[in-house]
Amino acid sequence: MPEMLSLPASRTELVLEEIRRAILTRRLLPGQPLVEMELAAQLGVSKTPVREALKLLSGSGLVTFSPYKGASVRVVDRDLAMAVYDVRVLLEPEAVGRAVRNKAVFTSAAASLEAASAAIESGDHAELSLLNRTFHQAMYAGCGNPLLVSVLDDLRDRAALISVVGWETSPSWEIEWQEHQAILAAATDMDAEAATELTRKHIQGFLDRLIDTMELPAG
């Protein structure tokens, strides 16, 4: 569950990040109700920043609202996985290729990859979902098109949630780490074509494994 926060900055931002982390590390499970009063007590804040954070998380796809049940953690179904990964496979490889052509610096991606290696060694699979999210954003951030970055950023939470669900039945994080290595190596070598194609295969490969190994509910 979320932990008590110290709040020197925006309460809403900090509450949002803590709830996001709790969802993406499976401390809050798909379908679990998100009761404002309970979360506020656990985090040591009023209900107002919790309410605002839940609305923002609804916008990023991690939280759903029901007229009768209120807020809950989004449940991953087949339609959601297909929709998110369809957009990713269309846009993200192109964004990575453009970042390479723009001679972007991939220092943050390399740091995420190194941290992911340590997380695999320690068995911290929850942390891997966050590092995976960071790696992908770092690879496309330098594409030179702020709107393209914004569209892909809007998918990051949904993609991370889908990854966590997928890893529960098909623990492929080591395969994905190796694929990340190959993508980063191609980008570092300024081989935009290879980085683009490797990113496309990486995203499509995860979706294929997800659909093959999981009994996802229909949307």
C-alpha atoms as a PDB file:
ATOM      1  CA  MET A   1       0.000   0.000   0.000  1.00  0.00           C
ATOM      2  CA  PRO A   2       1.139   3.630  -0.369  1.00  0.00           C
ATOM      3  CA  GLU A   3       3.400   4.936   2.356  1.00  0.00           C
ATOM      4  CA  MET A   4       3.198   8.080   4.476  1.00  0.00           C
ATOM      5  CA  LEU A   5       4.559  11.071   2.561  1.00  0.00           C
ATOM      6  CA  SER A   6       6.549  14.136   3.518  1.00  0.00           C
ATOM      7  CA  LEU A   7       5.174  16.999   1.454  1.00  0.00           C
ATOM      8  CA  PRO A   8       7.570  19.850   0.634  1.00  0.00           C
ATOM      9  CA  ALA A   9       6.258  20.200  -2.954  1.00  0.00           C
ATOM     10  CA  SER A  10       2.875  19.938  -4.643  1.00  0.00           C
ATOM     11  CA  ARG A  11       0.691  17.603  -2.618  1.00  0.00           C
ATOM     12  CA  THR A  12      -1.186  16.447  -5.695  1.00  0.00           C
ATOM     13  CA  GLU A  13       2.025  15.620  -7.591  1.00  0.00           C
ATOM     14  CA  LEU A  14       3.484  13.652  -4.728  1.00  0.00           C
ATOM     15  CA  VAL A  15       0.258  11.798  -4.034  1.00  0.00           C
ATOM     16  CA  LEU A  16      -0.094  11.047  -7.745  1.00  0.00           C
ATOM     17  CA  GLU A  17       3.432   9.629  -7.968  1.00  0.00           C
ATOM     18  CA  GLU A  18       2.950   7.486  -4.879  1.00  0.00           C
ATOM     19  CA  ILE A  19      -0.331   6.015  -6.114  1.00  0.00           C
ATOM     20  CA  ARG A  20       1.156   5.487  -9.589  1.00  0.00           C
ATOM     21  CA  ARG A  21       4.112   3.640  -8.081  1.00  0.00           C
ATOM     22  CA  ALA A  22       1.785   1.539  -5.915  1.00  0.00           C
ATOM     23  CA  ILE A  23      -0.219   0.524  -8.999  1.00  0.00           C
ATOM     24  CA  LEU A  24       2.801  -0.206 -11.203  1.00  0.00           C
ATOM     25  CA  THR A  25       4.519  -2.219  -8.480  1.00  0.00           C
ATOM     26  CA  ARG A  26       1.349  -4.217  -7.745  1.00  0.00           C
ATOM     27  CA  ARG A  27       0.840  -2.931  -4.206  1.00  0.00           C
ATOM     28  CA  LEU A  28      -2.512  -1.821  -5.585  1.00  0.00           C
ATOM     29  CA  LEU A  29      -3.990  -4.523  -7.817  1.00  0.00           C
ATOM     30  CA  PRO A  30      -6.174  -4.283 -10.947  1.00  0.00           C
ATOM     31  CA  GLY A  31      -9.811  -3.873  -9.963  1.00  0.00           C
ATOM     32  CA  GLN A  32      -8.948  -2.801  -6.410  1.00  0.00           C
ATOM     33  CA  PRO A  33     -11.147   0.060  -5.132  1.00  0.00           C
ATOM     34  CA  LEU A  34      -9.356   3.338  -4.470  1.00  0.00           C
ATOM     35  CA  VAL A  35     -11.149   4.922  -1.511  1.00  0.00           C
ATOM     36  CA  GLU A  36     -10.195   8.562  -1.069  1.00  0.00           C
ATOM     37  CA  MET A  37     -10.510   8.558   2.720  1.00  0.00           C
ATOM     38  CA  GLU A  38      -8.375   5.419   3.089  1.00  0.00           C
ATOM     39  CA  LEU A  39      -5.647   6.662   0.743  1.00  0.00           C
ATOM     40  CA  ALA A  40      -5.607  10.073   2.429  1.00  0.00           C
ATOM     41  CA  ALA A  41      -5.134   8.444   5.846  1.00  0.00           C
ATOM     42  CA  GLN A  42      -2.363   6.176   4.569  1.00  0.00           C
ATOM     43  CA  LEU A  43      -0.523   9.065   2.926  1.00  0.00           C
ATOM     44  CA  GLY A  44      -1.087  11.582   5.690  1.00  0.00           C
ATOM     45  CA  VAL A  45      -2.883  14.130   3.519  1.00  0.00           C
ATOM     46  CA  SER A  46      -6.396  15.465   3.080  1.00  0.00           C
ATOM     47  CA  LYS A  47      -8.820  13.958   0.586  1.00  0.00           C
ATOM     48  CA  THR A  48      -8.423  16.869  -1.863  1.00  0.00           C
ATOM     49  CA  PRO A  49      -4.974  15.966  -3.320  1.00  0.00           C
ATOM     50  CA  VAL A  50      -6.018  12.318  -3.432  1.00  0.00           C
ATOM     51  CA  ARG A  51      -9.154  13.208  -5.399  1.00  0.00           C
ATOM     52  CA  GLU A  52      -7.134  15.372  -7.800  1.00  0.00           C
ATOM     53  CA  ALA A  53      -4.456  12.687  -8.216  1.00  0.00           C
ATOM     54  CA  LEU A  54      -7.048  10.023  -9.008  1.00  0.00           C
ATOM     55  CA  LYS A  55      -8.575  12.242 -11.697  1.00  0.00           C
ATOM     56  CA  LEU A  56      -5.142  12.720 -13.285  1.00  0.00           C
ATOM     57  CA  LEU A  57      -4.414   9.004 -13.090  1.00  0.00           C
ATOM     58  CA  SER A  58      -7.737   8.377 -14.793  1.00  0.00           C
ATOM     59  CA  GLY A  59      -6.499  10.564 -17.636  1.00  0.00           C
ATOM     60  CA  SER A  60      -3.271   8.548 -17.915  1.00  0.00           C
ATOM     61  CA  GLY A  61      -5.203   5.279 -17.946  1.00  0.00           C
ATOM     62  CA  LEU A  62      -4.290   3.740 -14.601  1.00  0.00           C
ATOM     63  CA  VAL A  63      -7.582   4.473 -12.822  1.00  0.00           C
ATOM     64  CA  THR A  64     -11.194   4.035 -13.869  1.00  0.00           C
ATOM     65  CA  PHE A  65     -14.327   5.607 -12.394  1.00  0.00           C
ATOM     66  CA  SER A  66     -17.716   3.952 -12.023  1.00  0.00           C
ATOM     67  CA  PRO A  67     -20.876   5.912 -11.180  1.00  0.00           C
ATOM     68  CA  TYR A  68     -21.698   3.457  -8.397  1.00  0.00           C
ATOM     69  CA  LYS A  69     -18.334   2.044  -7.280  1.00  0.00           C
ATOM     70  CA  GLY A  70     -16.130   5.112  -7.556  1.00  0.00           C
ATOM     71  CA  ALA A  71     -12.423   4.859  -8.460  1.00  0.00           C
ATOM     72  CA  SER A  72     -10.538   1.607  -8.943  1.00  0.00           C
ATOM     73  CA  VAL A  73      -7.292   0.389 -10.500  1.00  0.00           C
ATOM     74  CA  ARG A  74      -7.736  -0.298 -14.202  1.00  0.00           C
ATOM     75  CA  VAL A  75      -8.095  -3.932 -15.228  1.00  0.00           C
ATOM     76  CA  VAL A  76      -6.006  -4.901 -18.261  1.00  0.00           C
ATOM     77  CA  ASP A  77      -8.071  -6.597 -20.962  1.00  0.00           C
ATOM     78  CA  ARG A  78      -7.274  -7.745 -24.494  1.00  0.00           C
ATOM     79  CA  ASP A  79      -8.748  -4.644 -26.131  1.00  0.00           C
ATOM     80  CA  LEU A  80      -6.652  -2.309 -24.000  1.00  0.00           C
ATOM     81  CA  ALA A  81      -3.435  -4.245 -24.677  1.00  0.00           C
ATOM     82  CA  MET A  82      -4.084  -4.377 -28.415  1.00  0.00           C
ATOM     83  CA  ALA A  83      -4.993  -0.687 -28.645  1.00  0.00           C
ATOM     84  CA  VAL A  84      -2.003   0.579 -26.661  1.00  0.00           C
ATOM     85  CA  TYR A  85       0.522  -1.605 -28.431  1.00  0.00           C
ATOM     86  CA  ASP A  86      -0.958  -0.895 -31.844  1.00  0.00           C
ATOM     87  CA  VAL A  87      -0.270   2.813 -31.338  1.00  0.00           C
ATOM     88  CA  ARG A  88       3.156   2.135 -29.851  1.00  0.00           C
ATOM     89  CA  VAL A  89       4.304  -0.090 -32.692  1.00  0.00           C
ATOM     90  CA  LEU A  90       3.172   2.552 -35.208  1.00  0.00           C
ATOM     91  CA  LEU A  91       4.736   5.597 -33.535  1.00  0.00           C
ATOM     92  CA  GLU A  92       7.504   4.681 -31.093  1.00  0.00           C
ATOM     93  CA  PRO A  93       9.990   3.083 -33.555  1.00  0.00           C
ATOM     94  CA  GLU A  94       9.765   6.175 -35.757  1.00  0.00           C
ATOM     95  CA  ALA A  95      10.308   8.433 -32.739  1.00  0.00           C
ATOM     96  CA  VAL A  96      13.391   6.463 -31.668  1.00  0.00           C
ATOM     97  CA  GLY A  97      14.788   6.582 -35.200  1.00  0.00           C
ATOM     98  CA  ARG A  98      14.276  10.353 -35.334  1.00  0.00           C
ATOM     99  CA  ALA A  99      15.995  10.752 -31.970  1.00  0.00           C
ATOM    100  CA  VAL A 100      19.024   8.902 -33.346  1.00  0.00           C
ATOM    101  CA  ARG A 101      19.071  11.052 -36.475  1.00  0.00           C
ATOM    102  CA  ASN A 102      18.891  14.130 -34.257  1.00  0.00           C
ATOM    103  CA  LYS A 103      21.994  12.827 -32.442  1.00  0.00           C
ATOM    104  CA  ALA A 104      20.148  12.720 -29.140  1.00  0.00           C
ATOM    105  CA  VAL A 105      22.060  11.791 -26.004  1.00  0.00           C
ATOM    106  CA  PHE A 106      20.885   8.539 -24.431  1.00  0.00           C
ATOM    107  CA  THR A 107      22.592   8.856 -21.040  1.00  0.00           C
ATOM    108  CA  SER A 108      19.318   8.449 -19.136  1.00  0.00           C
ATOM    109  CA  ALA A 109      18.428   5.327 -21.128  1.00  0.00           C
ATOM    110  CA  ALA A 110      21.820   3.814 -20.338  1.00  0.00           C
ATOM    111  CA  ALA A 111      21.384   4.568 -16.635  1.00  0.00           C
ATOM    112  CA  SER A 112      17.932   2.946 -16.648  1.00  0.00           C
ATOM    113  CA  LEU A 113      19.354  -0.119 -18.377  1.00  0.00           C
ATOM    114  CA  GLU A 114      22.103  -0.434 -15.766  1.00  0.00           C
ATOM    115  CA  ALA A 115      19.601  -0.085 -12.936  1.00  0.00           C
ATOM    116  CA  ALA A 116      17.351  -2.672 -14.605  1.00  0.00           C
ATOM    117  CA  SER A 117      20.232  -5.151 -14.657  1.00  0.00           C
ATOM    118  CA  ALA A 118      20.629  -4.717 -10.896  1.00  0.00           C
ATOM    119  CA  ALA A 119      16.863  -5.101 -10.412  1.00  0.00           C
ATOM    120  CA  ILE A 120      16.886  -8.376 -12.349  1.00  0.00           C
ATOM    121  CA  GLU A 121      19.779  -9.648 -10.234  1.00  0.00           C
ATOM    122  CA  SER A 122      17.998  -8.747  -7.006  1.00  0.00           C
ATOM    123  CA  GLY A 123      14.645 -10.085  -8.203  1.00  0.00           C
ATOM    124  CA  ASP A 124      12.978  -6.673  -7.858  1.00  0.00           C
ATOM    125  CA  HIS A 125      10.524  -7.186 -10.685  1.00  0.00           C
ATOM    126  CA  ALA A 126       8.225  -4.431  -9.452  1.00  0.00           C
ATOM    127  CA  GLU A 127      10.993  -1.853  -9.930  1.00  0.00           C
ATOM    128  CA  LEU A 128      11.581  -3.181 -13.437  1.00  0.00           C
ATOM    129  CA  SER A 129       8.211  -1.884 -14.610  1.00  0.00           C
ATOM    130  CA  LEU A 130       9.221   1.645 -13.614  1.00  0.00           C
ATOM    131  CA  LEU A 131      12.680   1.336 -15.185  1.00  0.00           C
ATOM    132  CA  ASN A 132      11.194  -0.082 -18.383  1.00  0.00           C
ATOM    133  CA  ARG A 133       8.898   2.930 -18.547  1.00  0.00           C
ATOM    134  CA  THR A 134      11.860   5.296 -18.035  1.00  0.00           C
ATOM    135  CA  PHE A 135      14.040   3.572 -20.652  1.00  0.00           C
ATOM    136  CA  HIS A 136      11.480   3.842 -23.418  1.00  0.00           C
ATOM    137  CA  GLN A 137      10.744   7.495 -22.703  1.00  0.00           C
ATOM    138  CA  ALA A 138      14.466   8.298 -22.718  1.00  0.00           C
ATOM    139  CA  MET A 139      14.879   6.639 -26.115  1.00  0.00           C
ATOM    140  CA  TYR A 140      12.195   8.647 -27.920  1.00  0.00           C
ATOM    141  CA  ALA A 141      12.363  11.947 -25.997  1.00  0.00           C
ATOM    142  CA  GLY A 142      14.891  13.478 -28.410  1.00  0.00           C
ATOM    143  CA  CYS A 143      12.819  12.854 -31.549  1.00  0.00           C
ATOM    144  CA  GLY A 144      12.339  16.581 -32.108  1.00  0.00           C
ATOM    145  CA  ASN A 145       8.532  16.513 -32.245  1.00  0.00           C
ATOM    146  CA  PRO A 146       6.935  17.576 -28.941  1.00  0.00           C
ATOM    147  CA  LEU A 147       3.476  16.374 -30.035  1.00  0.00           C
ATOM    148  CA  LEU A 148       4.824  12.899 -30.843  1.00  0.00           C
ATOM    149  CA  VAL A 149       6.544  12.788 -27.459  1.00  0.00           C
ATOM    150  CA  SER A 150       3.299  13.870 -25.766  1.00  0.00           C
ATOM    151  CA  VAL A 151       1.270  11.149 -27.501  1.00  0.00           C
ATOM    152  CA  LEU A 152       3.759   8.463 -26.471  1.00  0.00           C
ATOM    153  CA  ASP A 153       4.047   9.872 -22.948  1.00  0.00           C
ATOM    154  CA  ASP A 154       0.276   9.569 -22.617  1.00  0.00           C
ATOM    155  CA  LEU A 155       0.620   5.826 -23.259  1.00  0.00           C
ATOM    156  CA  ARG A 156       3.443   5.208 -20.776  1.00  0.00           C
ATOM    157  CA  ASP A 157       1.310   4.381 -17.739  1.00  0.00           C
ATOM    158  CA  ARG A 158      -0.976   2.061 -19.694  1.00  0.00           C
ATOM    159  CA  ALA A 159       2.006   0.331 -21.301  1.00  0.00           C
ATOM    160  CA  ALA A 160       3.718  -0.100 -17.923  1.00  0.00           C
ATOM    161  CA  LEU A 161       0.574  -1.598 -16.397  1.00  0.00           C
ATOM    162  CA  ILE A 162       0.220  -4.006 -19.319  1.00  0.00           C
ATOM    163  CA  SER A 163       3.887  -5.003 -18.938  1.00  0.00           C
ATOM    164  CA  VAL A 164       3.453  -5.822 -15.253  1.00  0.00           C
ATOM    165  CA  VAL A 165       0.397  -7.952 -15.984  1.00  0.00           C
ATOM    166  CA  GLY A 166       2.218  -9.728 -18.815  1.00  0.00           C
ATOM    167  CA  TRP A 167       5.280 -10.521 -16.723  1.00  0.00           C
ATOM    168  CA  GLU A 168       3.134 -12.348 -14.178  1.00  0.00           C
ATOM    169  CA  THR A 169       2.437 -15.167 -16.644  1.00  0.00           C
ATOM    170  CA  SER A 170       5.371 -14.710 -19.032  1.00  0.00           C
ATOM    171  CA  PRO A 171       8.418 -13.449 -17.088  1.00  0.00           C
ATOM    172  CA  SER A 172      10.326 -12.114 -20.100  1.00  0.00           C
ATOM    173  CA  TRP A 173      12.193  -9.232 -18.429  1.00  0.00           C
ATOM    174  CA  GLU A 174      15.612 -10.739 -19.219  1.00  0.00           C
ATOM    175  CA  ILE A 175      14.713 -11.039 -22.913  1.00  0.00           C
ATOM    176  CA  GLU A 176      13.476  -7.470 -22.903  1.00  0.00           C
ATOM    177  CA  TRP A 177      16.602  -6.229 -21.125  1.00  0.00           C
ATOM    178  CA  GLN A 178      18.728  -7.800 -23.868  1.00  0.00           C
ATOM    179  CA  GLU A 179      16.519  -6.199 -26.502  1.00  0.00           C
ATOM    180  CA  HIS A 180      16.923  -2.846 -24.765  1.00  0.00           C
ATOM    181  CA  GLN A 181      20.689  -3.330 -24.882  1.00  0.00           C
ATOM    182  CA  ALA A 182      20.548  -3.911 -28.637  1.00  0.00           C
ATOM    183  CA  ILE A 183      18.349  -0.843 -29.195  1.00  0.00           C
ATOM    184  CA  LEU A 184      20.652   1.354 -27.137  1.00  0.00           C
ATOM    185  CA  ALA A 185      23.744   0.000 -28.910  1.00  0.00           C
ATOM    186  CA  ALA A 186      22.251   0.800 -32.317  1.00  0.00           C
ATOM    187  CA  ALA A 187      21.278   4.290 -31.144  1.00  0.00           C
ATOM    188  CA  THR A 188      24.754   4.904 -29.710  1.00  0.00           C
ATOM    189  CA  ASP A 189      26.254   3.829 -33.049  1.00  0.00           C
ATOM    190  CA  MET A 190      23.935   6.350 -34.748  1.00  0.00           C
ATOM    191  CA  ASP A 191      22.287   3.577 -36.751  1.00  0.00           C
ATOM    192  CA  ALA A 192      18.783   4.996 -36.972  1.00  0.00           C
ATOM    193  CA  GLU A 193      17.469   2.261 -39.261  1.00  0.00           C
ATOM    194  CA  ALA A 194      18.583  -0.525 -36.905  1.00  0.00           C
ATOM    195  CA  ALA A 195      17.315   1.302 -33.814  1.00  0.00           C
ATOM    196  CA  THR A 196      13.931   1.802 -35.500  1.00  0.00           C
ATOM    197  CA  GLU A 197      13.575  -1.836 -36.545  1.00  0.00           C
ATOM    198  CA  LEU A 198      14.802  -3.222 -33.213  1.00  0.00           C
ATOM    199  CA  THR A 199      12.295  -1.038 -31.360  1.00  0.00           C
ATOM    200  CA  ARG A 200       9.486  -2.233 -33.619  1.00  0.00           C
ATOM    201  CA  LYS A 201      10.393  -5.905 -33.092  1.00  0.00           C
ATOM    202  CA  HIS A 202      10.737  -5.342 -29.346  1.00  0.00           C
ATOM    203  CA  ILE A 203       7.277  -3.821 -28.937  1.00  0.00           C
ATOM    204  CA  GLN A 204       5.576  -6.275 -31.287  1.00  0.00           C
ATOM    205  CA  GLY A 205       7.373  -9.210 -29.681  1.00  0.00           C
ATOM    206  CA  PHE A 206       6.071  -8.348 -26.236  1.00  0.00           C
ATOM    207  CA  LEU A 207       2.516  -8.054 -27.519  1.00  0.00           C
ATOM    208  CA  ASP A 208       2.792 -11.398 -29.311  1.00  0.00           C
ATOM    209  CA  ARG A 209       4.028 -13.100 -26.128  1.00  0.00           C
ATOM    210  CA  LEU A 210       1.293 -11.432 -24.108  1.00  0.00           C
ATOM    211  CA  ILE A 211      -1.492 -12.612 -26.371  1.00  0.00           C
ATOM    212  CA  ASP A 212      -0.012 -16.119 -26.677  1.00  0.00           C
ATOM    213  CA  THR A 213       0.468 -16.742 -22.948  1.00  0.00           C
ATOM    214  CA  MET A 214      -2.327 -14.819 -21.258  1.00  0.00           C
ATOM    215  CA  GLU A 215      -6.041 -15.354 -21.003  1.00  0.00           C
ATOM    216  CA  LEU A 216      -6.911 -11.680 -21.130  1.00  0.00           C
ATOM    217  CA  PRO A 217     -10.574 -10.838 -20.599  1.00  0.00           C
ATOM    218  CA  ALA A 218     -12.360  -9.240 -23.529  1.00  0.00           C
ATOM    219  CA  GLY A 219     -12.949  -5.547 -23.256  1.00  0.00           C
END
